[in-house]
Amino acid sequence: MLINPFTTFGYESADYFCDRQKETRQMISQLVNGNHIALISPRRMGKTGLILHCFSQPELIGNYYTFLIDIYATKNLQDFVYQLGHHIIKRLKNKGQAAIDRFLQIVTSLRTGISFDGQGNPSWNLCIGDIKSATFTLEEIFSYLHSADRPCIVAIDEFQTISNYPEDNIEALLRTHVQGCRNATFIFSGSQQHMMSEMFSSPSRPFYQSVSMLFLKPVALQKYEEFAERLFNQYGKTIEKGVVKEIYDRFDGTTWYLQKMFNQLFSMTTSEGKATLEDVEKAEQEIIQQNEEAYKDTMYQLTIRQRDLLLAVGKERKATHITSGAFVKKHHLTSSSSVQKSMSILVTKQLLTHHQGTYEVYDKFFGKWLSKM
């Protein structure tokens, strides 16, 4: 049993995973029937957890090789290939020597960068610069996936990142490999809805009509109430009626923030104690205080105009028409043109997020800190 049942990273087990029964059934049905999936939602809505939850289901365990690769920090094709190879080897560690040998027989360009200890466990010794030809190694990796002794499911997280790679025709290259790989099914997961929708819905893009689209929405409030109450009770604690709804409304039902708040609230509640509505504000302030120095550092690194705009959006919580004269005047900003420029930079830095004309501070705790300045 976990010390704190409200996990804030990774995946523990179905007991600590809230609902998503419908989405799990949909995804597994699509995957076992050979369909690729585009899984789209804002960040921190629980896409990664859902993927890992699906990978743990009996329909997939033992029948498929499952791989999850996060490419959020990658900058180019070489980075992408490095992460792909690294995570496949890491995952195959648990499948035995034969599975690793099969991979290295096909992906010969990575063979010299992998060594084995006395027990035969592989060690990844490659640096990104050791990959001499990313396109060749990528072709080898897809050859492995195509010929693996089990069907493979490959989830690529933050897939929209490939749109920013400097190389030409990356989407077309990957689409060609995916289309020719009959032994693997892919989950393309992404948090930038506009970019992801464009990649898979536009007739001019290589991945057009190649996937089943799944847009991930917040878990229903009732499901989270049942989930939180069950776990509090399981550990000999209780939670006052209305607490879950208060937290849910404060953070728009966004999974990670709910988990973080319940984690903090649970840690504050004594054995056989009760978490109350008054404790919600205390839990939120505790989390914000833990991160206050990081927030100050972030603000320090921005220009005055960027700081002013970020502060204005934080105070609004959900800001619209931010380049309008009314918004500029209300928040004492310089001009519409300076707001436009600062907005573009803050979105690129992922300090601001926007959807259908509405802007928010990306980190909701940071936004709440800004709102009280």
Protein backbone atom coordinates (compact mmCIF):
# COMPACT_ATOMS: atom_id res chain seq x y z
CA MET A 1 0.00 0.00 0.00
CA LEU A 2 1.30 3.44 -0.92
CA ILE A 3 2.00 5.98 1.82
CA ASN A 4 -0.03 8.48 -0.17
CA PRO A 5 -2.52 6.99 -2.65
CA PHE A 6 -2.83 10.13 -4.78
CA THR A 7 0.06 9.72 -7.21
CA THR A 8 1.36 12.79 -9.04
CA PHE A 9 3.63 11.08 -11.58
CA GLY A 10 3.86 7.75 -13.37
CA TYR A 11 1.32 4.96 -13.07
CA GLU A 12 0.90 2.70 -10.08
CA SER A 13 -2.06 0.40 -10.73
CA ALA A 14 -5.76 0.43 -11.52
CA ASP A 15 -6.54 0.92 -7.80
CA TYR A 16 -4.96 4.38 -7.91
CA PHE A 17 -6.29 5.35 -11.34
CA CYS A 18 -9.52 7.32 -11.58
CA ASP A 19 -12.16 6.07 -14.02
CA ARG A 20 -11.39 6.48 -17.77
CA GLN A 21 -13.25 3.17 -18.29
CA LYS A 22 -14.88 4.33 -21.53
CA GLU A 23 -11.65 5.75 -22.95
CA THR A 24 -9.73 2.60 -21.96
CA ARG A 25 -12.23 0.38 -23.78
CA GLN A 26 -12.16 2.63 -26.84
CA MET A 27 -8.38 2.68 -27.03
CA ILE A 28 -7.89 -1.04 -26.52
CA SER A 29 -10.56 -1.84 -29.11
CA GLN A 30 -8.87 0.43 -31.64
CA LEU A 31 -5.39 -0.93 -30.91
CA VAL A 32 -6.19 -4.67 -31.03
CA ASN A 33 -8.02 -4.08 -34.30
CA GLY A 34 -4.95 -2.48 -35.85
CA ASN A 35 -5.96 1.17 -35.78
CA HIS A 36 -3.59 4.02 -34.98
CA ILE A 37 -4.81 6.63 -32.48
CA ALA A 38 -4.30 10.36 -32.09
CA LEU A 39 -4.86 11.10 -28.38
CA ILE A 40 -5.34 14.84 -27.85
CA SER A 41 -5.92 16.94 -24.75
CA PRO A 42 -4.35 19.83 -22.83
CA ARG A 43 -1.25 18.88 -20.88
CA ARG A 44 -1.75 17.39 -17.42
CA MET A 45 -5.15 15.96 -18.34
CA GLY A 46 -3.84 12.42 -17.89
CA LYS A 47 -2.89 11.20 -21.37
CA THR A 48 0.27 9.43 -20.24
CA GLY A 49 -1.52 7.78 -17.32
CA LEU A 50 -4.27 6.57 -19.65
CA ILE A 51 -1.73 5.08 -22.06
CA LEU A 52 0.06 3.24 -19.24
CA HIS A 53 -3.29 2.10 -17.85
CA CYS A 54 -4.17 0.62 -21.25
CA PHE A 55 -0.76 -1.07 -21.43
CA SER A 56 -1.51 -2.77 -18.09
CA GLN A 57 -4.76 -4.33 -19.26
CA PRO A 58 -4.98 -8.14 -19.80
CA GLU A 59 -5.76 -7.73 -23.50
CA LEU A 60 -2.29 -6.24 -24.04
CA ILE A 61 -0.03 -7.70 -21.34
CA GLY A 62 1.84 -10.71 -22.67
CA ASN A 63 0.44 -10.29 -26.16
CA TYR A 64 2.18 -7.08 -27.24
CA TYR A 65 5.44 -5.25 -26.78
CA THR A 66 4.41 -1.80 -25.54
CA PHE A 67 6.64 1.27 -25.75
CA LEU A 68 6.05 4.84 -24.54
CA ILE A 69 8.44 7.50 -25.83
CA ASP A 70 8.24 11.14 -24.67
CA ILE A 71 9.68 13.44 -27.32
CA TYR A 72 8.78 16.74 -25.62
CA ALA A 73 12.45 17.73 -25.14
CA THR A 74 13.66 16.62 -28.58
CA LYS A 75 14.91 19.23 -31.04
CA ASN A 76 15.51 17.29 -34.25
CA LEU A 77 15.33 13.89 -35.92
CA GLN A 78 18.57 12.74 -34.30
CA ASP A 79 17.09 13.42 -30.83
CA PHE A 80 13.93 11.57 -31.83
CA VAL A 81 15.80 8.48 -33.00
CA TYR A 82 17.94 8.52 -29.85
CA GLN A 83 14.88 8.56 -27.60
CA LEU A 84 13.14 5.88 -29.66
CA GLY A 85 16.09 3.49 -29.52
CA HIS A 86 16.80 4.19 -25.85
CA HIS A 87 13.24 3.51 -24.72
CA ILE A 88 12.88 0.36 -26.76
CA ILE A 89 16.05 -1.10 -25.21
CA LYS A 90 14.93 0.02 -21.75
CA ARG A 91 11.58 -1.69 -22.21
CA LEU A 92 13.09 -4.87 -23.65
CA LYS A 93 15.26 -5.28 -20.51
CA ASN A 94 12.32 -7.00 -18.85
CA LYS A 95 11.69 -9.31 -21.80
CA GLY A 96 14.93 -11.27 -21.59
CA GLN A 97 18.15 -11.65 -23.55
CA ALA A 98 16.49 -13.14 -26.63
CA ALA A 99 14.34 -10.04 -27.16
CA ILE A 100 17.35 -7.72 -26.86
CA ASP A 101 19.46 -9.89 -29.17
CA ARG A 102 16.74 -9.76 -31.80
CA PHE A 103 16.67 -5.96 -31.59
CA LEU A 104 20.47 -5.68 -31.95
CA GLN A 105 20.57 -8.12 -34.85
CA ILE A 106 18.43 -5.70 -36.84
CA VAL A 107 19.42 -2.30 -35.45
CA THR A 108 23.12 -2.75 -36.14
CA SER A 109 23.93 0.97 -36.01
CA LEU A 110 23.24 1.02 -32.26
CA ARG A 111 24.99 -2.26 -31.40
CA THR A 112 28.36 -0.76 -30.44
CA GLY A 113 26.70 1.63 -27.99
CA ILE A 114 25.14 -1.11 -25.88
CA SER A 115 27.11 -3.23 -23.42
CA PHE A 116 26.15 -6.02 -21.03
CA ASP A 117 27.05 -6.68 -17.40
CA GLY A 118 27.85 -10.08 -15.87
CA GLN A 119 24.16 -10.94 -15.60
CA GLY A 120 23.54 -10.06 -19.22
CA ASN A 121 21.67 -6.84 -18.49
CA PRO A 122 22.06 -4.23 -21.24
CA SER A 123 23.48 -0.78 -20.59
CA TRP A 124 22.80 2.14 -22.93
CA ASN A 125 26.12 3.93 -23.51
CA LEU A 126 25.22 6.00 -26.54
CA CYS A 127 25.28 9.76 -26.73
CA ILE A 128 23.05 11.58 -29.20
CA GLY A 129 26.09 12.43 -31.33
CA ASP A 130 26.91 8.73 -31.70
CA ILE A 131 23.97 8.34 -34.07
CA LYS A 132 25.71 9.03 -37.37
CA SER A 133 22.73 8.72 -39.72
CA ALA A 134 19.39 9.32 -38.06
CA THR A 135 17.39 8.32 -41.14
CA PHE A 136 19.27 5.00 -41.44
CA THR A 137 18.89 4.15 -37.74
CA LEU A 138 15.21 5.10 -37.90
CA GLU A 139 14.76 2.72 -40.83
CA GLU A 140 16.46 -0.05 -38.83
CA ILE A 141 14.23 0.56 -35.79
CA PHE A 142 11.10 0.32 -37.94
CA SER A 143 12.49 -2.85 -39.48
CA TYR A 144 12.76 -4.26 -35.96
CA LEU A 145 9.19 -3.24 -35.12
CA HIS A 146 7.97 -4.83 -38.35
CA SER A 147 9.71 -8.16 -37.64
CA ALA A 148 9.43 -8.38 -33.82
CA ASP A 149 8.20 -11.71 -32.48
CA ARG A 150 5.15 -10.00 -30.98
CA PRO A 151 2.99 -7.18 -32.34
CA CYS A 152 4.12 -3.81 -30.98
CA ILE A 153 2.25 -0.77 -29.70
CA VAL A 154 4.31 2.42 -29.79
CA ALA A 155 3.02 5.53 -28.01
CA ILE A 156 4.79 8.77 -28.91
CA ASP A 157 4.01 11.50 -26.38
CA GLU A 158 3.95 15.18 -27.37
CA PHE A 159 3.97 14.13 -31.02
CA GLN A 160 3.33 17.69 -32.28
CA THR A 161 6.97 18.41 -31.37
CA ILE A 162 8.09 16.97 -34.72
CA SER A 163 6.52 19.99 -36.44
CA ASN A 164 9.34 22.13 -35.03
CA TYR A 165 12.21 19.93 -36.24
CA PRO A 166 14.58 21.70 -38.66
CA GLU A 167 14.68 18.81 -41.13
CA ASP A 168 12.33 18.85 -44.10
CA ASN A 169 9.47 16.39 -44.60
CA ILE A 170 9.71 14.70 -41.17
CA GLU A 171 5.98 14.03 -41.11
CA ALA A 172 6.13 12.41 -44.55
CA LEU A 173 9.14 10.30 -43.54
CA LEU A 174 7.45 9.01 -40.38
CA ARG A 175 4.14 8.46 -42.19
CA THR A 176 5.92 6.30 -44.76
CA HIS A 177 7.55 4.17 -42.06
CA VAL A 178 4.33 3.87 -40.04
CA GLN A 179 2.33 2.89 -43.11
CA GLY A 180 4.82 0.17 -44.04
CA CYS A 181 5.08 -1.28 -40.52
CA ARG A 182 2.33 -3.90 -40.39
CA ASN A 183 3.41 -5.35 -37.03
CA ALA A 184 3.04 -2.13 -35.00
CA THR A 185 0.20 0.13 -33.99
CA PHE A 186 0.89 3.72 -32.94
CA ILE A 187 -0.57 6.15 -30.42
CA PHE A 188 0.26 9.75 -31.30
CA SER A 189 -0.34 11.72 -28.12
CA GLY A 190 -0.24 15.50 -28.02
CA SER A 191 -1.21 18.47 -25.88
CA GLN A 192 -1.34 21.25 -28.46
CA GLN A 193 -4.82 20.69 -29.82
CA HIS A 194 -4.62 23.05 -32.78
CA MET A 195 -1.32 21.59 -34.03
CA MET A 196 -2.42 17.99 -33.49
CA SER A 197 -5.78 18.52 -35.17
CA GLU A 198 -4.05 20.16 -38.12
CA MET A 199 -1.57 17.29 -38.47
CA PHE A 200 -4.26 14.61 -38.63
CA SER A 201 -7.26 16.46 -40.11
CA SER A 202 -5.77 18.58 -42.89
CA PRO A 203 -5.78 17.02 -46.41
CA SER A 204 -2.43 18.68 -47.08
CA ARG A 205 -0.61 16.86 -44.24
CA PRO A 206 0.93 13.35 -44.56
CA PHE A 207 -0.94 11.88 -41.56
CA TYR A 208 -4.35 12.96 -42.91
CA GLN A 209 -7.06 10.37 -42.11
CA SER A 210 -4.51 7.85 -40.85
CA VAL A 211 -5.75 7.63 -37.24
CA SER A 212 -8.77 7.37 -35.00
CA MET A 213 -9.07 10.66 -33.10
CA LEU A 214 -9.68 10.67 -29.33
CA PHE A 215 -10.05 13.96 -27.49
CA LEU A 216 -9.51 13.48 -23.76
CA LYS A 217 -11.81 15.49 -21.51
CA PRO A 218 -11.84 15.83 -17.70
CA VAL A 219 -13.02 12.88 -15.65
CA ALA A 220 -16.59 13.47 -14.47
CA LEU A 221 -16.92 15.13 -11.05
CA GLN A 222 -18.98 12.25 -9.65
CA LYS A 223 -16.26 9.75 -10.59
CA TYR A 224 -13.62 11.85 -8.85
CA GLU A 225 -15.79 12.18 -5.77
CA GLU A 226 -16.13 8.39 -5.57
CA PHE A 227 -12.41 7.94 -6.22
CA ALA A 228 -11.23 10.43 -3.58
CA GLU A 229 -13.70 9.24 -0.92
CA ARG A 230 -12.73 5.60 -1.50
CA LEU A 231 -9.02 6.24 -1.09
CA PHE A 232 -9.43 8.46 1.98
CA ASN A 233 -11.66 5.81 3.58
CA GLN A 234 -9.28 3.02 2.61
CA TYR A 235 -6.55 4.73 4.62
CA GLY A 236 -8.74 5.43 7.65
CA LYS A 237 -9.47 9.06 6.78
CA THR A 238 -12.57 10.91 5.57
CA ILE A 239 -13.23 13.85 3.30
CA GLU A 240 -16.00 16.37 3.89
CA LYS A 241 -18.80 16.61 1.34
CA GLY A 242 -18.14 19.43 -1.11
CA VAL A 243 -14.34 19.28 -0.87
CA VAL A 244 -13.90 17.34 -4.12
CA LYS A 245 -16.22 19.70 -6.00
CA GLU A 246 -14.37 22.75 -4.65
CA ILE A 247 -11.02 21.41 -5.87
CA TYR A 248 -12.51 20.19 -9.16
CA ASP A 249 -13.98 23.63 -9.90
CA ARG A 250 -10.79 25.48 -8.92
CA PHE A 251 -8.73 23.51 -11.43
CA ASP A 252 -11.29 22.84 -14.18
CA GLY A 253 -11.15 19.11 -13.57
CA THR A 254 -7.55 18.88 -14.82
CA THR A 255 -6.23 15.53 -13.61
CA TRP A 256 -2.71 16.42 -12.45
CA TYR A 257 -3.86 19.43 -10.40
CA LEU A 258 -6.60 17.38 -8.75
CA GLN A 259 -4.07 14.67 -7.89
CA LYS A 260 -1.61 17.24 -6.55
CA MET A 261 -4.25 18.88 -4.38
CA PHE A 262 -5.58 15.58 -3.03
CA ASN A 263 -2.02 14.43 -2.39
CA GLN A 264 -1.36 17.55 -0.30
CA LEU A 265 -4.75 17.37 1.42
CA PHE A 266 -4.23 13.70 2.26
CA SER A 267 -0.78 14.41 3.76
CA MET A 268 -2.29 17.17 5.93
CA THR A 269 -5.10 14.96 7.26
CA THR A 270 -4.26 12.97 10.37
CA SER A 271 -5.14 9.30 10.82
CA GLU A 272 -8.90 9.02 11.42
CA GLY A 273 -9.12 12.75 10.64
CA LYS A 274 -11.34 14.58 8.15
CA ALA A 275 -10.29 16.85 5.28
CA THR A 276 -12.54 19.93 5.30
CA LEU A 277 -13.37 22.80 2.98
CA GLU A 278 -11.17 25.06 5.10
CA ASP A 279 -8.25 22.73 4.42
CA VAL A 280 -8.54 23.23 0.64
CA GLU A 281 -7.21 26.78 0.75
CA LYS A 282 -4.43 25.71 3.13
CA ALA A 283 -3.40 22.88 0.79
CA GLU A 284 -3.34 25.20 -2.22
CA GLN A 285 -1.26 27.81 -0.41
CA GLU A 286 1.18 25.17 0.79
CA ILE A 287 1.78 23.99 -2.77
CA ILE A 288 2.20 27.56 -4.03
CA GLN A 289 4.61 28.37 -1.21
CA GLN A 290 6.70 25.32 -2.09
CA ASN A 291 7.13 26.71 -5.61
CA GLU A 292 7.30 30.43 -4.89
CA GLU A 293 11.04 30.81 -5.48
CA ALA A 294 10.72 29.10 -8.86
CA TYR A 295 7.89 31.50 -9.79
CA LYS A 296 10.04 34.48 -8.82
CA ASP A 297 12.93 33.16 -10.92
CA THR A 298 10.62 32.74 -13.90
CA MET A 299 9.38 36.32 -13.62
CA TYR A 300 12.93 37.61 -13.23
CA GLN A 301 13.93 36.03 -16.55
CA LEU A 302 11.19 37.86 -18.50
CA THR A 303 11.21 41.36 -19.90
CA ILE A 304 9.04 43.99 -18.21
CA ARG A 305 6.41 43.79 -20.96
CA GLN A 306 6.30 40.01 -20.82
CA ARG A 307 5.97 40.12 -17.02
CA ASP A 308 3.17 42.67 -17.23
CA LEU A 309 1.22 40.58 -19.73
CA LEU A 310 1.69 37.36 -17.77
CA LEU A 311 0.53 39.16 -14.61
CA ALA A 312 -2.52 40.57 -16.45
CA VAL A 313 -3.57 37.13 -17.71
CA GLY A 314 -2.99 35.67 -14.24
CA LYS A 315 -5.31 38.24 -12.70
CA GLU A 316 -7.99 37.55 -15.32
CA ARG A 317 -7.52 33.73 -14.98
CA LYS A 318 -9.17 33.26 -18.38
CA ALA A 319 -8.34 36.21 -20.61
CA THR A 320 -9.89 37.03 -23.97
CA HIS A 321 -9.27 39.80 -26.50
CA ILE A 322 -5.88 40.47 -24.94
CA THR A 323 -4.79 42.77 -27.78
CA SER A 324 -7.90 44.92 -27.51
CA GLY A 325 -7.67 48.51 -26.38
CA ALA A 326 -9.89 47.74 -23.39
CA PHE A 327 -7.59 44.96 -22.13
CA VAL A 328 -4.47 47.06 -22.71
CA LYS A 329 -5.97 50.01 -20.84
CA LYS A 330 -7.37 47.93 -17.96
CA HIS A 331 -3.99 46.35 -17.18
CA HIS A 332 -1.84 49.40 -17.99
CA LEU A 333 0.01 47.63 -20.82
CA THR A 334 2.09 49.49 -23.42
CA SER A 335 0.23 48.82 -26.66
CA SER A 336 -1.63 46.15 -28.63
CA SER A 337 1.45 45.47 -30.75
CA SER A 338 3.67 44.93 -27.69
CA VAL A 339 1.02 42.59 -26.22
CA GLN A 340 0.99 40.61 -29.48
CA LYS A 341 4.77 40.24 -29.42
CA SER A 342 4.93 39.32 -25.73
CA MET A 343 2.03 36.90 -26.10
CA SER A 344 3.82 35.04 -28.89
CA ILE A 345 6.97 34.68 -26.76
CA LEU A 346 5.06 33.56 -23.65
CA VAL A 347 3.15 30.94 -25.66
CA THR A 348 6.42 29.67 -27.16
CA LYS A 349 7.92 29.47 -23.66
CA GLN A 350 4.74 27.61 -22.60
CA LEU A 351 4.05 30.09 -19.85
CA LEU A 352 0.75 30.94 -21.52
CA THR A 353 -1.64 28.54 -23.19
CA HIS A 354 -4.49 29.44 -25.50
CA HIS A 355 -7.51 27.68 -26.90
CA GLN A 356 -10.20 29.21 -29.08
CA GLY A 357 -9.19 32.75 -28.21
CA THR A 358 -8.89 32.26 -24.46
CA TYR A 359 -5.52 32.66 -22.75
CA GLU A 360 -4.47 31.20 -19.39
CA VAL A 361 -1.27 30.87 -17.41
CA TYR A 362 -0.10 27.36 -18.24
CA ASP A 363 0.74 26.37 -14.64
CA LYS A 364 -2.49 26.88 -12.72
CA PHE A 365 -0.68 27.21 -9.38
CA PHE A 366 1.57 29.86 -10.91
CA GLY A 367 -1.53 31.62 -12.20
CA LYS A 368 -3.05 31.69 -8.73
CA TRP A 369 0.21 33.11 -7.33
CA LEU A 370 0.14 35.83 -9.99
CA SER A 371 -3.51 36.66 -9.30
CA LYS A 372 -2.63 37.71 -5.75
CA MET A 373 0.30 39.95 -6.63
